[in-house]
Every structure is written in structure tokens, then in C-alpha cells.
Protein backbone atom coordinates (compact mmCIF):
# COMPACT_ATOMS: atom_id res chain seq x y z
CA MET A 1 -28.76 -189.11 252.31
CA ASN A 2 -27.96 -192.27 250.32
CA GLU A 3 -26.03 -190.55 247.49
CA GLY A 4 -23.20 -192.75 246.47
CA ASN A 5 -24.52 -195.84 248.46
CA VAL A 6 -23.34 -198.89 246.40
CA GLU A 7 -25.07 -201.31 248.77
CA VAL A 8 -28.47 -200.68 247.60
CA ASP A 9 -30.03 -203.63 245.67
CA ALA A 10 -31.16 -203.06 242.11
CA ALA A 11 -34.83 -203.77 241.55
CA SER A 12 -34.08 -205.85 238.60
CA PRO A 13 -31.31 -206.63 235.92
CA TYR A 14 -30.59 -203.56 233.95
CA PRO A 15 -29.35 -203.22 230.35
CA ILE A 16 -25.86 -201.97 229.42
CA SER A 17 -25.97 -200.04 226.11
CA TYR A 18 -23.80 -200.97 223.25
CA HIS A 19 -23.04 -197.17 222.99
CA SER A 20 -21.31 -197.44 226.47
CA ILE A 21 -18.54 -199.51 225.02
CA ILE A 22 -17.73 -197.42 221.97
CA PRO A 23 -16.62 -193.75 221.86
CA LYS A 24 -18.39 -191.29 219.83
CA GLY A 25 -17.25 -191.54 216.16
CA GLU A 26 -15.87 -187.94 216.05
CA GLU A 27 -13.61 -188.83 219.05
CA CYS A 28 -12.36 -192.11 217.91
CA THR A 29 -13.47 -194.77 215.50
CA ASN A 30 -13.14 -198.56 215.73
CA LEU A 31 -12.35 -198.70 219.39
CA LEU A 32 -14.26 -200.96 221.65
CA VAL A 33 -13.78 -200.50 225.38
CA PRO A 34 -15.70 -203.39 227.16
CA VAL A 35 -13.70 -202.91 230.47
CA CYS A 36 -13.24 -199.11 230.57
CA LEU A 37 -16.74 -198.36 229.56
CA SER A 38 -18.64 -195.15 230.14
CA SER A 39 -20.62 -195.48 233.34
CA SER A 40 -21.33 -193.70 236.76
CA HIS A 41 -19.19 -195.01 239.75
CA ILE A 42 -22.44 -196.49 241.03
CA ALA A 43 -23.06 -198.58 237.88
CA PHE A 44 -19.42 -199.55 237.70
CA GLY A 45 -19.85 -201.25 241.05
CA SER A 46 -21.88 -204.01 239.44
CA ILE A 47 -20.40 -203.79 235.85
CA ARG A 48 -16.95 -204.66 237.27
CA MET A 49 -18.07 -208.21 238.09
CA GLU A 50 -16.29 -210.90 236.08
CA SER A 51 -19.48 -212.31 234.51
CA VAL A 52 -20.45 -208.92 233.23
CA PHE A 53 -17.02 -208.24 231.71
CA MET A 54 -17.33 -211.75 229.93
CA VAL A 55 -20.69 -210.65 228.43
CA LEU A 56 -19.25 -207.18 227.43
CA GLY A 57 -16.09 -208.83 225.94
CA GLN A 58 -18.28 -211.31 223.97
CA SER A 59 -20.46 -208.40 222.75
CA ALA A 60 -17.27 -206.42 221.74
CA ALA A 61 -15.91 -209.40 219.83
CA VAL A 62 -19.12 -209.97 217.96
CA ALA A 63 -19.47 -206.38 217.05
CA ALA A 64 -15.77 -206.33 215.87
CA SER A 65 -16.59 -209.34 213.64
CA ILE A 66 -19.60 -207.64 212.16
CA SER A 67 -17.71 -204.50 211.62
CA MET A 68 -14.94 -206.28 209.63
CA SER A 69 -17.22 -208.51 207.61
CA ASP A 70 -19.53 -205.39 206.74
CA GLN A 71 -16.57 -203.17 206.32
CA VAL A 72 -17.96 -200.44 208.59
CA THR A 73 -16.81 -198.83 211.70
CA VAL A 74 -17.97 -200.23 215.09
CA GLN A 75 -20.09 -197.05 215.45
CA GLU A 76 -21.93 -198.11 212.19
CA VAL A 77 -22.65 -201.58 213.20
CA GLU A 78 -26.43 -202.17 212.97
CA TYR A 79 -27.80 -203.11 216.45
CA LYS A 80 -30.32 -205.38 214.87
CA LYS A 81 -27.60 -207.47 213.38
CA LEU A 82 -25.61 -207.32 216.65
CA LYS A 83 -28.53 -208.46 218.59
CA GLU A 84 -29.34 -211.41 216.18
CA ARG A 85 -25.74 -212.52 216.45
CA LEU A 86 -25.59 -212.32 220.21
CA LEU A 87 -28.82 -214.36 220.61
CA GLN A 88 -27.43 -217.01 218.17
CA VAL A 89 -24.45 -217.40 220.48
CA ASN A 90 -26.84 -217.81 223.41
CA GLN A 91 -26.13 -214.52 225.05
CA ILE A 92 -28.99 -213.45 227.35
CA LEU A 93 -30.14 -209.98 226.63
CA HIS A 94 -32.33 -207.61 228.67
CA PRO A 95 -36.03 -207.84 227.40
CA ARG A 96 -36.03 -204.02 226.78
CA LEU A 97 -33.25 -204.34 224.22
């Protein structure tokens, strides 16, 4: 009955995985897509907000920086290191991450 209803409130903030902004390594390496990320049309309804794009852009930039300094692809960036850097620049992360 409510399939596709984009007006339903989320119960709480939800995480956006780093894996949603990078393609699979076998498809393409070193590509970050913070705006055209992988999501359902329902999730994209809230992801498309400017503040979320800003956070995704910052996350992509930090991941690119780590990738370059560690000389690895963005697919090989260690999430622990990414998380630490994001927290250092005062990004608020979901508690489950």
C-alpha cells in the first residue's frame, strides 16, 4: 500500500556506506561518486539534500587523499583510517559505523 511513499519519516538517522560511493574494483578503480551514488529511489529522496551531498563530498575528498598518500586504490582504503580522519575533521558519523 505504501510502496514508494517518500513522505514516511525515518525512525532515526541512517548511515550511508562508503561502498555506496565507490564502484566495485572489477568495474572501475579510483572513481568516487558522492552525488551519483548507489541507492534506491526512496533513499535518494533524503540523500539528495545539500547537507548530505556536502558530507559525501567531504568523505570522498578524504578517501581520495588517503588513497593518494597510501598509494592504493579508493577501493583499498582502510575504513578504520578513513573513519579516524573524518572524525579529526569533525564529521559526525552514525554510531553504528
